[in-house]
PDB file of N, CA and C in Angstrom:
ATOM      1  N   MET A   1      84.793  93.316 101.444  1.00  0.00           N
ATOM      2  CA  MET A   1      86.106  93.024 100.631  1.00  0.00           C
ATOM      3  C   MET A   1      87.112  94.112 101.243  1.00  0.00           C
ATOM      4  N   ALA A   2      86.983  95.339 100.926  1.00  0.00           N
ATOM      5  CA  ALA A   2      87.985  96.225 101.706  1.00  0.00           C
ATOM      6  C   ALA A   2      88.001  96.219 103.116  1.00  0.00           C
ATOM      7  N   GLU A   3      86.835  96.098 103.644  1.00  0.00           N
ATOM      8  CA  GLU A   3      86.839  96.009 105.132  1.00  0.00           C
ATOM      9  C   GLU A   3      87.472  94.804 105.681  1.00  0.00           C
ATOM     10  N   THR A   4      87.624  93.723 104.962  1.00  0.00           N
ATOM     11  CA  THR A   4      88.282  92.562 105.411  1.00  0.00           C
ATOM     12  C   THR A   4      89.721  92.808 105.424  1.00  0.00           C
ATOM     13  N   LEU A   5      90.082  93.733 104.725  1.00  0.00           N
ATOM     14  CA  LEU A   5      91.605  94.132 104.607  1.00  0.00           C
ATOM     15  C   LEU A   5      91.787  95.190 105.574  1.00  0.00           C
ATOM     16  N   GLY A   6      90.783  95.547 106.126  1.00  0.00           N
ATOM     17  CA  GLY A   6      91.057  96.561 107.333  1.00  0.00           C
ATOM     18  C   GLY A   6      90.840  98.107 106.920  1.00  0.00           C
ATOM     19  N   TYR A   7      90.407  98.269 105.728  1.00  0.00           N
ATOM     20  CA  TYR A   7      90.227  99.637 105.179  1.00  0.00           C
ATOM     21  C   TYR A   7      88.870 100.259 105.540  1.00  0.00           C
ATOM     22  N   ASP A   8      88.888 101.558 105.896  1.00  0.00           N
ATOM     23  CA  ASP A   8      87.608 102.214 106.166  1.00  0.00           C
ATOM     24  C   ASP A   8      86.940 102.849 104.769  1.00  0.00           C
ATOM     25  N   ALA A   9      87.881 103.199 103.744  1.00  0.00           N
ATOM     26  CA  ALA A   9      87.414 103.550 102.531  1.00  0.00           C
ATOM     27  C   ALA A   9      88.502 103.113 101.549  1.00  0.00           C
ATOM     28  N   PHE A  10      88.025 103.006 100.433  1.00  0.00           N
ATOM     29  CA  PHE A  10      88.939 102.745  99.076  1.00  0.00           C
ATOM     30  C   PHE A  10      88.641 103.538  97.991  1.00  0.00           C
ATOM     31  N   ASN A  11      89.559 103.370  96.866  1.00  0.00           N
ATOM     32  CA  ASN A  11      89.412 103.687  95.466  1.00  0.00           C
ATOM     33  C   ASN A  11      89.421 102.633  94.622  1.00  0.00           C
ATOM     34  N   TYR A  12      88.716 102.374  93.655  1.00  0.00           N
ATOM     35  CA  TYR A  12      88.822 101.408  92.715  1.00  0.00           C
ATOM     36  C   TYR A  12      89.232 101.767  91.449  1.00  0.00           C
ATOM     37  N   TYR A  13      90.206 101.081  90.683  1.00  0.00           N
ATOM     38  CA  TYR A  13      90.677 101.339  89.550  1.00  0.00           C
ATOM     39  C   TYR A  13      90.705  99.971  88.741  1.00  0.00           C
ATOM     40  N   GLY A  14      89.862 100.001  87.513  1.00  0.00           N
ATOM     41  CA  GLY A  14      89.795  98.639  86.827  1.00  0.00           C
ATOM     42  C   GLY A  14      90.127  98.841  85.434  1.00  0.00           C
ATOM     43  N   VAL A  15      91.056  97.875  84.664  1.00  0.00           N
ATOM     44  CA  VAL A  15      91.068  98.084  83.239  1.00  0.00           C
ATOM     45  C   VAL A  15      90.692  96.744  82.833  1.00  0.00           C
ATOM     46  N   SER A  16      90.013  96.771  81.478  1.00  0.00           N
ATOM     47  CA  SER A  16      89.650  95.708  80.609  1.00  0.00           C
ATOM     48  C   SER A  16      88.657  94.704  81.673  1.00  0.00           C
ATOM     49  N   TYR A  17      89.080  93.507  81.830  1.00  0.00           N
ATOM     50  CA  TYR A  17      88.167  92.909  82.707  1.00  0.00           C
ATOM     51  C   TYR A  17      87.868  93.554  83.938  1.00  0.00           C
ATOM     52  N   GLY A  18      88.845  94.299  84.543  1.00  0.00           N
ATOM     53  CA  GLY A  18      88.494  94.759  85.940  1.00  0.00           C
ATOM     54  C   GLY A  18      87.548  95.915  85.835  1.00  0.00           C
ATOM     55  N   THR A  19      87.182  96.311  84.706  1.00  0.00           N
ATOM     56  CA  THR A  19      86.089  97.269  84.611  1.00  0.00           C
ATOM     57  C   THR A  19      84.789  96.398  84.790  1.00  0.00           C
ATOM     58  N   LEU A  20      84.742  95.335  84.389  1.00  0.00           N
ATOM     59  CA  LEU A  20      83.483  94.504  84.664  1.00  0.00           C
ATOM     60  C   LEU A  20      83.392  94.210  86.212  1.00  0.00           C
ATOM     61  N   LEU A  21      84.378  93.758  86.793  1.00  0.00           N
ATOM     62  CA  LEU A  21      84.561  93.664  88.307  1.00  0.00           C
ATOM     63  C   LEU A  21      84.173  94.994  88.850  1.00  0.00           C
ATOM     64  N   GLY A  22      84.600  96.065  88.526  1.00  0.00           N
ATOM     65  CA  GLY A  22      84.182  97.368  88.987  1.00  0.00           C
ATOM     66  C   GLY A  22      82.790  97.726  89.105  1.00  0.00           C
ATOM     67  N   GLN A  23      82.153  97.262  88.013  1.00  0.00           N
ATOM     68  CA  GLN A  23      80.723  97.505  87.858  1.00  0.00           C
ATOM     69  C   GLN A  23      79.951  96.719  89.060  1.00  0.00           C
ATOM     70  N   TYR A  24      80.422  95.626  89.253  1.00  0.00           N
ATOM     71  CA  TYR A  24      79.902  94.773  90.418  1.00  0.00           C
ATOM     72  C   TYR A  24      80.338  95.453  91.840  1.00  0.00           C
ATOM     73  N   VAL A  25      81.454  96.108  91.983  1.00  0.00           N
ATOM     74  CA  VAL A  25      81.931  96.820  93.212  1.00  0.00           C
ATOM     75  C   VAL A  25      80.912  98.043  93.328  1.00  0.00           C
ATOM     76  N   ILE A  26      80.716  98.794  92.382  1.00  0.00           N
ATOM     77  CA  ILE A  26      79.911  99.800  92.410  1.00  0.00           C
ATOM     78  C   ILE A  26      78.499  99.736  92.811  1.00  0.00           C
ATOM     79  N   ALA A  27      77.824  98.570  92.147  1.00  0.00           N
ATOM     80  CA  ALA A  27      76.384  98.370  92.492  1.00  0.00           C
ATOM     81  C   ALA A  27      76.123  98.377  93.877  1.00  0.00           C
ATOM     82  N   PRO A  28      76.624  97.332  94.690  1.00  0.00           N
ATOM     83  CA  PRO A  28      76.286  97.371  96.067  1.00  0.00           C
ATOM     84  C   PRO A  28      77.036  98.194  96.909  1.00  0.00           C
ATOM     85  N   ALA A  29      77.729  99.097  96.445  1.00  0.00           N
ATOM     86  CA  ALA A  29      78.709  99.939  97.426  1.00  0.00           C
ATOM     87  C   ALA A  29      78.220 100.592  98.755  1.00  0.00           C
ATOM     88  N   ASP A  30      76.909 100.868  98.758  1.00  0.00           N
ATOM     89  CA  ASP A  30      76.166 101.456  99.830  1.00  0.00           C
ATOM     90  C   ASP A  30      75.849 100.451 100.861  1.00  0.00           C
ATOM     91  N   GLN A  31      76.170  99.225 100.423  1.00  0.00           N
ATOM     92  CA  GLN A  31      75.821  97.885 101.474  1.00  0.00           C
ATOM     93  C   GLN A  31      77.014  97.652 102.176  1.00  0.00           C
ATOM     94  N   HIS A  32      78.179  98.197 101.945  1.00  0.00           N
ATOM     95  CA  HIS A  32      79.392  97.712 102.603  1.00  0.00           C
ATOM     96  C   HIS A  32      79.928  98.770 103.590  1.00  0.00           C
ATOM     97  N   LYS A  33      80.726  98.107 104.711  1.00  0.00           N
ATOM     98  CA  LYS A  33      81.243  98.994 105.648  1.00  0.00           C
ATOM     99  C   LYS A  33      82.333 100.109 105.043  1.00  0.00           C
ATOM    100  N   ALA A  34      83.170  99.572 104.283  1.00  0.00           N
ATOM    101  CA  ALA A  34      84.112 100.328 103.714  1.00  0.00           C
ATOM    102  C   ALA A  34      83.496 101.377 102.505  1.00  0.00           C
ATOM    103  N   LYS A  35      83.850 102.627 102.811  1.00  0.00           N
ATOM    104  CA  LYS A  35      83.185 103.474 101.800  1.00  0.00           C
ATOM    105  C   LYS A  35      84.108 103.334 100.434  1.00  0.00           C
ATOM    106  N   LEU A  36      83.330 103.409  99.383  1.00  0.00           N
ATOM    107  CA  LEU A  36      83.986 103.422  98.027  1.00  0.00           C
ATOM    108  C   LEU A  36      84.136 104.918  97.761  1.00  0.00           C
ATOM    109  N   ARG A  37      85.273 105.422  97.589  1.00  0.00           N
ATOM    110  CA  ARG A  37      85.528 106.885  97.459  1.00  0.00           C
ATOM    111  C   ARG A  37      85.556 107.330  95.983  1.00  0.00           C
ATOM    112  N   SER A  38      86.203 106.508  95.163  1.00  0.00           N
ATOM    113  CA  SER A  38      86.206 106.852  93.687  1.00  0.00           C
ATOM    114  C   SER A  38      86.259 105.579  92.807  1.00  0.00           C
ATOM    115  N   VAL A  39      86.008 105.760  91.688  1.00  0.00           N
ATOM    116  CA  VAL A  39      86.136 104.519  90.666  1.00  0.00           C
ATOM    117  C   VAL A  39      86.559 105.071  89.385  1.00  0.00           C
ATOM    118  N   ILE A  40      87.585 104.314  88.846  1.00  0.00           N
ATOM    119  CA  ILE A  40      87.892 104.590  87.474  1.00  0.00           C
ATOM    120  C   ILE A  40      87.886 103.288  86.729  1.00  0.00           C
ATOM    121  N   VAL A  41      87.334 103.358  85.647  1.00  0.00           N
ATOM    122  CA  VAL A  41      87.199 102.097  84.853  1.00  0.00           C
ATOM    123  C   VAL A  41      87.728 102.473  83.383  1.00  0.00           C
ATOM    124  N   ASP A  42      88.755 101.748  82.972  1.00  0.00           N
ATOM    125  CA  ASP A  42      89.566 102.137  81.750  1.00  0.00           C
ATOM    126  C   ASP A  42      89.126 101.199  80.689  1.00  0.00           C
ATOM    127  N   GLY A  43      88.443 101.268  79.539  1.00  0.00           N
ATOM    128  CA  GLY A  43      88.200 100.465  78.689  1.00  0.00           C
ATOM    129  C   GLY A  43      87.115  99.365  79.125  1.00  0.00           C
ATOM    130  N   VAL A  44      85.830  99.977  79.388  1.00  0.00           N
ATOM    131  CA  VAL A  44      84.805  99.384  79.866  1.00  0.00           C
ATOM    132  C   VAL A  44      84.352  98.059  79.206  1.00  0.00           C
ATOM    133  N   VAL A  45      84.125  97.053  79.912  1.00  0.00           N
ATOM    134  CA  VAL A  45      83.443  95.864  79.494  1.00  0.00           C
ATOM    135  C   VAL A  45      81.935  95.865  79.890  1.00  0.00           C
ATOM    136  N   ARG A  46      80.930  95.865  79.115  1.00  0.00           N
ATOM    137  CA  ARG A  46      79.605  95.941  79.567  1.00  0.00           C
ATOM    138  C   ARG A  46      79.317  94.766  80.346  1.00  0.00           C
ATOM    139  N   ALA A  47      78.382  94.867  81.429  1.00  0.00           N
ATOM    140  CA  ALA A  47      78.065  93.886  82.310  1.00  0.00           C
ATOM    141  C   ALA A  47      77.197  92.713  81.711  1.00  0.00           C
ATOM    142  N   ASP A  48      76.381  93.069  80.443  1.00  0.00           N
ATOM    143  CA  ASP A  48      75.563  92.258  79.844  1.00  0.00           C
ATOM    144  C   ASP A  48      76.410  91.272  78.802  1.00  0.00           C
ATOM    145  N   ILE A  49      77.763  91.501  78.671  1.00  0.00           N
ATOM    146  CA  ILE A  49      78.551  90.758  77.582  1.00  0.00           C
ATOM    147  C   ILE A  49      79.056  89.473  78.366  1.00  0.00           C
ATOM    148  N   ASP A  50      79.355  88.329  77.740  1.00  0.00           N
ATOM    149  CA  ASP A  50      79.824  87.222  78.243  1.00  0.00           C
ATOM    150  C   ASP A  50      81.288  87.425  77.916  1.00  0.00           C
ATOM    151  N   PHE A  51      82.095  87.963  78.762  1.00  0.00           N
ATOM    152  CA  PHE A  51      83.462  88.371  78.523  1.00  0.00           C
ATOM    153  C   PHE A  51      84.415  87.258  78.032  1.00  0.00           C
ATOM    154  N   ASN A  52      84.314  86.073  78.722  1.00  0.00           N
ATOM    155  CA  ASN A  52      85.192  85.087  78.233  1.00  0.00           C
ATOM    156  C   ASN A  52      84.626  84.565  76.920  1.00  0.00           C
ATOM    157  N   ARG A  53      83.521  84.303  76.652  1.00  0.00           N
ATOM    158  CA  ARG A  53      83.108  83.944  75.284  1.00  0.00           C
ATOM    159  C   ARG A  53      83.574  85.002  74.221  1.00  0.00           C
ATOM    160  N   ALA A  54      83.321  86.269  74.372  1.00  0.00           N
ATOM    161  CA  ALA A  54      83.736  87.277  73.413  1.00  0.00           C
ATOM    162  C   ALA A  54      85.080  87.468  73.332  1.00  0.00           C
ATOM    163  N   GLY A  55      85.957  87.163  74.347  1.00  0.00           N
ATOM    164  CA  GLY A  55      87.543  87.135  74.294  1.00  0.00           C
ATOM    165  C   GLY A  55      87.974  86.428  73.217  1.00  0.00           C
ATOM    166  N   GLY A  56      87.330  85.170  73.285  1.00  0.00           N
ATOM    167  CA  GLY A  56      87.976  84.032  72.103  1.00  0.00           C
ATOM    168  C   GLY A  56      87.651  84.633  70.733  1.00  0.00           C
ATOM    169  N   HIS A  57      86.425  85.244  70.478  1.00  0.00           N
ATOM    170  CA  HIS A  57      86.076  85.716  69.267  1.00  0.00           C
ATOM    171  C   HIS A  57      86.994  86.851  68.893  1.00  0.00           C
ATOM    172  N   ALA A  58      87.220  87.761  69.912  1.00  0.00           N
ATOM    173  CA  ALA A  58      88.232  89.049  69.674  1.00  0.00           C
ATOM    174  C   ALA A  58      89.674  88.393  69.427  1.00  0.00           C
ATOM    175  N   ALA A  59      90.176  87.432  70.004  1.00  0.00           N
ATOM    176  CA  ALA A  59      91.502  86.910  69.856  1.00  0.00           C
ATOM    177  C   ALA A  59      91.478  86.288  68.362  1.00  0.00           C
ATOM    178  N   SER A  60      90.662  85.607  68.013  1.00  0.00           N
ATOM    179  CA  SER A  60      90.513  84.949  66.605  1.00  0.00           C
ATOM    180  C   SER A  60      90.574  85.961  65.543  1.00  0.00           C
ATOM    181  N   PHE A  61      89.719  87.137  65.628  1.00  0.00           N
ATOM    182  CA  PHE A  61      89.505  88.225  64.886  1.00  0.00           C
ATOM    183  C   PHE A  61      91.000  88.935  64.807  1.00  0.00           C
ATOM    184  N   ALA A  62      91.584  89.107  65.921  1.00  0.00           N
ATOM    185  CA  ALA A  62      92.877  89.868  65.809  1.00  0.00           C
ATOM    186  C   ALA A  62      93.905  89.028  65.189  1.00  0.00           C
ATOM    187  N   LEU A  63      93.947  87.809  65.365  1.00  0.00           N
ATOM    188  CA  LEU A  63      94.836  87.010  64.699  1.00  0.00           C
ATOM    189  C   LEU A  63      94.566  86.871  63.204  1.00  0.00           C
ATOM    190  N   ARG A  64      93.458  86.900  62.830  1.00  0.00           N
ATOM    191  CA  ARG A  64      93.295  86.875  61.415  1.00  0.00           C
ATOM    192  C   ARG A  64      93.443  88.056  60.820  1.00  0.00           C
ATOM    193  N   ASN A  65      93.426  89.175  61.543  1.00  0.00           N
ATOM    194  CA  ASN A  65      93.742  90.415  60.957  1.00  0.00           C
ATOM    195  C   ASN A  65      95.306  90.486  60.776  1.00  0.00           C
ATOM    196  N   VAL A  66      96.008  89.985  61.812  1.00  0.00           N
ATOM    197  CA  VAL A  66      97.511  90.150  61.660  1.00  0.00           C
ATOM    198  C   VAL A  66      97.945  89.202  60.421  1.00  0.00           C
ATOM    199  N   PHE A  67      97.303  87.987  60.332  1.00  0.00           N
ATOM    200  CA  PHE A  67      97.828  87.104  59.164  1.00  0.00           C
ATOM    201  C   PHE A  67      97.268  87.896  57.830  1.00  0.00           C
ATOM    202  N   HIS A  68      96.178  88.376  57.815  1.00  0.00           N
ATOM    203  CA  HIS A  68      95.808  89.181  56.467  1.00  0.00           C
ATOM    204  C   HIS A  68      96.587  90.276  56.177  1.00  0.00           C
ATOM    205  N   SER A  69      96.873  91.061  57.107  1.00  0.00           N
ATOM    206  CA  SER A  69      97.913  92.464  57.095  1.00  0.00           C
ATOM    207  C   SER A  69      99.148  91.884  56.680  1.00  0.00           C
ATOM    208  N   CYS A  70      99.713  90.997  57.336  1.00  0.00           N
ATOM    209  CA  CYS A  70     101.032  90.493  56.774  1.00  0.00           C
ATOM    210  C   CYS A  70     100.975  90.025  55.467  1.00  0.00           C
ATOM    211  N   ALA A  71     100.113  89.229  54.983  1.00  0.00           N
ATOM    212  CA  ALA A  71     100.183  88.641  53.633  1.00  0.00           C
ATOM    213  C   ALA A  71      99.936  89.814  52.702  1.00  0.00           C
ATOM    214  N   GLN A  72      99.318  91.085  53.058  1.00  0.00           N
ATOM    215  CA  GLN A  72      99.095  92.035  52.236  1.00  0.00           C
ATOM    216  C   GLN A  72     100.280  93.011  52.082  1.00  0.00           C
ATOM    217  N   ASP A  73     101.105  92.729  53.109  1.00  0.00           N
ATOM    218  CA  ASP A  73     102.310  93.772  53.196  1.00  0.00           C
ATOM    219  C   ASP A  73     103.443  93.102  52.419  1.00  0.00           C
ATOM    220  N   LEU A  74     104.093  93.795  51.529  1.00  0.00           N
ATOM    221  CA  LEU A  74     105.252  92.920  50.749  1.00  0.00           C
ATOM    222  C   LEU A  74     106.223  92.555  51.596  1.00  0.00           C
ATOM    223  N   LYS A  75     106.767  93.328  52.326  1.00  0.00           N
ATOM    224  CA  LYS A  75     108.080  92.910  53.351  1.00  0.00           C
ATOM    225  C   LYS A  75     107.601  91.895  54.269  1.00  0.00           C
ATOM    226  N   CYS A  76     106.487  92.031  54.851  1.00  0.00           N
ATOM    227  CA  CYS A  76     106.180  90.939  55.941  1.00  0.00           C
ATOM    228  C   CYS A  76     105.857  89.767  55.222  1.00  0.00           C
ATOM    229  N   GLY A  77     105.058  89.925  54.145  1.00  0.00           N
ATOM    230  CA  GLY A  77     104.677  88.641  53.362  1.00  0.00           C
ATOM    231  C   GLY A  77     105.798  87.786  52.886  1.00  0.00           C
ATOM    232  N   ARG A  78     106.947  88.395  52.428  1.00  0.00           N
ATOM    233  CA  ARG A  78     108.191  87.741  52.048  1.00  0.00           C
ATOM    234  C   ARG A  78     108.888  87.214  53.265  1.00  0.00           C
ATOM    235  N   ALA A  79     108.973  87.913  54.236  1.00  0.00           N
ATOM    236  CA  ALA A  79     109.688  87.433  55.500  1.00  0.00           C
ATOM    237  C   ALA A  79     108.868  86.227  56.155  1.00  0.00           C
ATOM    238  N   TYR A  80     107.564  86.336  56.237  1.00  0.00           N
ATOM    239  CA  TYR A  80     106.788  85.243  56.746  1.00  0.00           C
ATOM    240  C   TYR A  80     105.616  84.739  55.726  1.00  0.00           C
ATOM    241  N   PRO A  81     106.142  84.069  54.923  1.00  0.00           N
ATOM    242  CA  PRO A  81     105.124  83.645  53.943  1.00  0.00           C
ATOM    243  C   PRO A  81     104.246  82.336  54.515  1.00  0.00           C
ATOM    244  N   ASP A  82     102.999  82.478  54.190  1.00  0.00           N
ATOM    245  CA  ASP A  82     101.988  81.493  54.767  1.00  0.00           C
ATOM    246  C   ASP A  82     102.067  81.458  56.341  1.00  0.00           C
ATOM    247  N   LEU A  83     101.919  82.707  56.918  1.00  0.00           N
ATOM    248  CA  LEU A  83     101.857  82.859  58.334  1.00  0.00           C
ATOM    249  C   LEU A  83     100.945  81.995  59.078  1.00  0.00           C
ATOM    250  N   GLU A  84      99.697  82.311  58.648  1.00  0.00           N
ATOM    251  CA  GLU A  84      98.610  81.611  59.136  1.00  0.00           C
ATOM    252  C   GLU A  84      98.868  80.049  59.167  1.00  0.00           C
ATOM    253  N   GLN A  85      99.116  79.643  58.077  1.00  0.00           N
ATOM    254  CA  GLN A  85      99.308  77.972  57.902  1.00  0.00           C
ATOM    255  C   GLN A  85     100.540  77.656  59.027  1.00  0.00           C
ATOM    256  N   LYS A  86     101.447  78.205  59.078  1.00  0.00           N
ATOM    257  CA  LYS A  86     102.616  77.976  59.926  1.00  0.00           C
ATOM    258  C   LYS A  86     102.145  78.101  61.374  1.00  0.00           C
ATOM    259  N   PHE A  87     101.346  79.154  61.695  1.00  0.00           N
ATOM    260  CA  PHE A  87     100.859  79.164  62.959  1.00  0.00           C
ATOM    261  C   PHE A  87     100.078  78.068  63.423  1.00  0.00           C
ATOM    262  N   LEU A  88      99.025  77.791  62.662  1.00  0.00           N
ATOM    263  CA  LEU A  88      98.206  76.609  62.820  1.00  0.00           C
ATOM    264  C   LEU A  88      98.861  75.391  62.961  1.00  0.00           C
ATOM    265  N   ALA A  89     100.010  75.257  62.153  1.00  0.00           N
ATOM    266  CA  ALA A  89     100.673  73.910  62.002  1.00  0.00           C
ATOM    267  C   ALA A  89     101.533  73.745  63.358  1.00  0.00           C
ATOM    268  N   ILE A  90     102.033  74.986  64.119  1.00  0.00           N
ATOM    269  CA  ILE A  90     102.635  75.039  65.211  1.00  0.00           C
ATOM    270  C   ILE A  90     101.576  74.410  66.351  1.00  0.00           C
ATOM    271  N   ILE A  91     100.457  75.018  66.428  1.00  0.00           N
ATOM    272  CA  ILE A  91      99.505  74.554  67.333  1.00  0.00           C
ATOM    273  C   ILE A  91      99.169  73.066  67.148  1.00  0.00           C
ATOM    274  N   ASP A  92      98.968  72.627  65.954  1.00  0.00           N
ATOM    275  CA  ASP A  92      98.602  71.284  65.892  1.00  0.00           C
ATOM    276  C   ASP A  92      99.558  70.461  66.278  1.00  0.00           C
ATOM    277  N   ARG A  93     101.102  70.724  66.066  1.00  0.00           N
ATOM    278  CA  ARG A  93     102.247  69.971  66.395  1.00  0.00           C
ATOM    279  C   ARG A  93     102.269  69.934  68.144  1.00  0.00           C
ATOM    280  N   LEU A  94     102.082  71.259  68.687  1.00  0.00           N
ATOM    281  CA  LEU A  94     102.117  71.136  70.056  1.00  0.00           C
ATOM    282  C   LEU A  94     101.015  70.370  70.592  1.00  0.00           C
ATOM    283  N   ASP A  95      99.812  70.220  70.160  1.00  0.00           N
ATOM    284  CA  ASP A  95      98.649  69.533  70.604  1.00  0.00           C
ATOM    285  C   ASP A  95      99.103  67.990  70.563  1.00  0.00           C
ATOM    286  N   CYS A  96      99.733  67.608  69.426  1.00  0.00           N
ATOM    287  CA  CYS A  96     100.168  66.285  69.304  1.00  0.00           C
ATOM    288  C   CYS A  96     101.365  65.804  70.222  1.00  0.00           C
ATOM    289  N   GLU A  97     102.194  66.798  70.354  1.00  0.00           N
ATOM    290  CA  GLU A  97     103.486  66.470  71.057  1.00  0.00           C
ATOM    291  C   GLU A  97     103.743  67.773  71.901  1.00  0.00           C
ATOM    292  N   PRO A  98     103.007  67.859  72.968  1.00  0.00           N
ATOM    293  CA  PRO A  98     103.467  69.019  73.835  1.00  0.00           C
ATOM    294  C   PRO A  98     104.717  69.134  74.567  1.00  0.00           C
ATOM    295  N   VAL A  99     105.308  70.260  74.621  1.00  0.00           N
ATOM    296  CA  VAL A  99     106.802  70.467  75.035  1.00  0.00           C
ATOM    297  C   VAL A  99     106.854  70.637  76.465  1.00  0.00           C
ATOM    298  N   SER A 100     107.664  69.789  77.144  1.00  0.00           N
ATOM    299  CA  SER A 100     107.724  69.952  78.549  1.00  0.00           C
ATOM    300  C   SER A 100     108.632  71.166  78.956  1.00  0.00           C
ATOM    301  N   LEU A 101     108.139  71.854  80.002  1.00  0.00           N
ATOM    302  CA  LEU A 101     108.868  73.018  80.428  1.00  0.00           C
ATOM    303  C   LEU A 101     109.079  73.023  82.035  1.00  0.00           C
ATOM    304  N   THR A 102     110.214  73.553  82.344  1.00  0.00           N
ATOM    305  CA  THR A 102     110.435  73.765  83.860  1.00  0.00           C
ATOM    306  C   THR A 102     110.722  75.157  83.942  1.00  0.00           C
ATOM    307  N   LEU A 103     109.709  75.853  84.599  1.00  0.00           N
ATOM    308  CA  LEU A 103     109.876  77.275  84.932  1.00  0.00           C
ATOM    309  C   LEU A 103     110.189  77.423  86.324  1.00  0.00           C
ATOM    310  N   THR A 104     110.769  78.626  86.772  1.00  0.00           N
ATOM    311  CA  THR A 104     111.025  79.089  87.938  1.00  0.00           C
ATOM    312  C   THR A 104     110.232  80.291  88.331  1.00  0.00           C
ATOM    313  N   THR A 105     109.659  80.039  89.562  1.00  0.00           N
ATOM    314  CA  THR A 105     108.678  81.374  90.041  1.00  0.00           C
ATOM    315  C   THR A 105     109.708  82.270  90.592  1.00  0.00           C
ATOM    316  N   PRO A 106     109.466  83.725  90.311  1.00  0.00           N
ATOM    317  CA  PRO A 106     110.227  84.784  90.545  1.00  0.00           C
ATOM    318  C   PRO A 106     110.547  84.894  92.051  1.00  0.00           C
ATOM    319  N   ASN A 107     109.347  84.712  92.860  1.00  0.00           N
ATOM    320  CA  ASN A 107     109.388  85.030  94.225  1.00  0.00           C
ATOM    321  C   ASN A 107     110.076  83.995  95.012  1.00  0.00           C
ATOM    322  N   THR A 108     109.479  82.637  94.958  1.00  0.00           N
ATOM    323  CA  THR A 108     109.948  81.469  95.586  1.00  0.00           C
ATOM    324  C   THR A 108     111.210  80.756  95.020  1.00  0.00           C
ATOM    325  N   LYS A 109     111.411  81.027  93.838  1.00  0.00           N
ATOM    326  CA  LYS A 109     112.529  80.267  93.120  1.00  0.00           C
ATOM    327  C   LYS A 109     112.305  78.809  92.907  1.00  0.00           C
ATOM    328  N   GLN A 110     110.944  78.389  93.085  1.00  0.00           N
ATOM    329  CA  GLN A 110     110.691  76.957  93.060  1.00  0.00           C
ATOM    330  C   GLN A 110     110.378  76.521  91.589  1.00  0.00           C
ATOM    331  N   PRO A 111     110.872  75.513  91.213  1.00  0.00           N
ATOM    332  CA  PRO A 111     110.581  74.982  89.819  1.00  0.00           C
ATOM    333  C   PRO A 111     109.153  74.569  89.619  1.00  0.00           C
ATOM    334  N   VAL A 112     108.523  74.863  88.584  1.00  0.00           N
ATOM    335  CA  VAL A 112     107.183  74.347  88.211  1.00  0.00           C
ATOM    336  C   VAL A 112     107.335  73.616  86.893  1.00  0.00           C
ATOM    337  N   VAL A 113     107.037  72.359  86.823  1.00  0.00           N
ATOM    338  CA  VAL A 113     107.045  71.557  85.702  1.00  0.00           C
ATOM    339  C   VAL A 113     105.566  71.848  84.956  1.00  0.00           C
ATOM    340  N   THR A 114     105.656  72.085  83.761  1.00  0.00           N
ATOM    341  CA  THR A 114     104.366  72.109  82.972  1.00  0.00           C
ATOM    342  C   THR A 114     104.518  71.672  81.465  1.00  0.00           C
ATOM    343  N   LYS A 115     103.600  71.865  80.698  1.00  0.00           N
ATOM    344  CA  LYS A 115     103.613  71.539  79.286  1.00  0.00           C
ATOM    345  C   LYS A 115     103.056  72.495  78.562  1.00  0.00           C
ATOM    346  N   LEU A 116     103.669  72.857  77.491  1.00  0.00           N
ATOM    347  CA  LEU A 116     103.276  73.772  76.426  1.00  0.00           C
ATOM    348  C   LEU A 116     102.409  73.111  75.431  1.00  0.00           C
ATOM    349  N   ASP A 117     101.136  73.144  75.303  1.00  0.00           N
ATOM    350  CA  ASP A 117     100.428  72.641  74.124  1.00  0.00           C
ATOM    351  C   ASP A 117      99.955  73.715  73.170  1.00  0.00           C
ATOM    352  N   GLY A 118      99.139  73.464  72.296  1.00  0.00           N
ATOM    353  CA  GLY A 118      98.604  74.408  71.385  1.00  0.00           C
ATOM    354  C   GLY A 118      97.690  75.630  72.016  1.00  0.00           C
ATOM    355  N   LEU A 119      96.859  75.114  72.779  1.00  0.00           N
ATOM    356  CA  LEU A 119      96.131  76.214  73.382  1.00  0.00           C
ATOM    357  C   LEU A 119      96.947  76.957  74.329  1.00  0.00           C
ATOM    358  N   ALA A 120      97.860  76.578  75.078  1.00  0.00           N
ATOM    359  CA  ALA A 120      98.781  77.493  75.868  1.00  0.00           C
ATOM    360  C   ALA A 120      99.498  78.302  75.018  1.00  0.00           C
ATOM    361  N   PHE A 121      99.991  77.813  73.908  1.00  0.00           N
ATOM    362  CA  PHE A 121     100.762  78.627  73.117  1.00  0.00           C
ATOM    363  C   PHE A 121      99.802  79.783  72.413  1.00  0.00           C
ATOM    364  N   ALA A 122      98.710  79.374  72.102  1.00  0.00           N
ATOM    365  CA  ALA A 122      97.781  80.449  71.486  1.00  0.00           C
ATOM    366  C   ALA A 122      97.373  81.498  72.516  1.00  0.00           C
ATOM    367  N   THR A 123      97.184  80.935  73.745  1.00  0.00           N
ATOM    368  CA  THR A 123      96.678  81.896  74.735  1.00  0.00           C
ATOM    369  C   THR A 123      97.728  82.800  75.182  1.00  0.00           C
ATOM    370  N   ALA A 124      98.908  82.380  75.139  1.00  0.00           N
ATOM    371  CA  ALA A 124     100.156  83.383  75.577  1.00  0.00           C
ATOM    372  C   ALA A 124     100.327  84.432  74.716  1.00  0.00           C
ATOM    373  N   LEU A 125      99.801  84.245  73.442  1.00  0.00           N
ATOM    374  CA  LEU A 125      99.914  85.477  72.484  1.00  0.00           C
ATOM    375  C   LEU A 125      98.806  86.364  72.692  1.00  0.00           C
ATOM    376  N   VAL A 126      97.746  85.906  73.356  1.00  0.00           N
ATOM    377  CA  VAL A 126      96.631  87.170  73.449  1.00  0.00           C
ATOM    378  C   VAL A 126      96.615  87.586  74.895  1.00  0.00           C
ATOM    379  N   PRO A 127      97.112  88.880  75.066  1.00  0.00           N
ATOM    380  CA  PRO A 127      97.072  89.245  76.594  1.00  0.00           C
ATOM    381  C   PRO A 127      95.635  89.319  77.208  1.00  0.00           C
TER     382      PRO A 127
END
């Protein structure tokens, strides 16, 4: 990998999912031409975890906590009554009638035509 880019040695820094990748970089490090000098993993994801499957559960759990906390908070609850039901209604509406969007890429300035459906909307909220 690093040798393909012309490096004799490299350092690895991984965050979140990058920590899982980092574990796969570390394991065969002695088999590569480029020397792995150092590794920093920040927020380690265990290699025996199905990261993609767990991510969906974590996102759902986080959203339920937001909805619950807002409902329990007087100010938030008044400003956003029935937040969970409204959120789910937006997803349902976008699934039935996706919104067409034209986005412009920052580097090439080329327009990209896409649609915003319920899944894309919900996914955009969870980093």
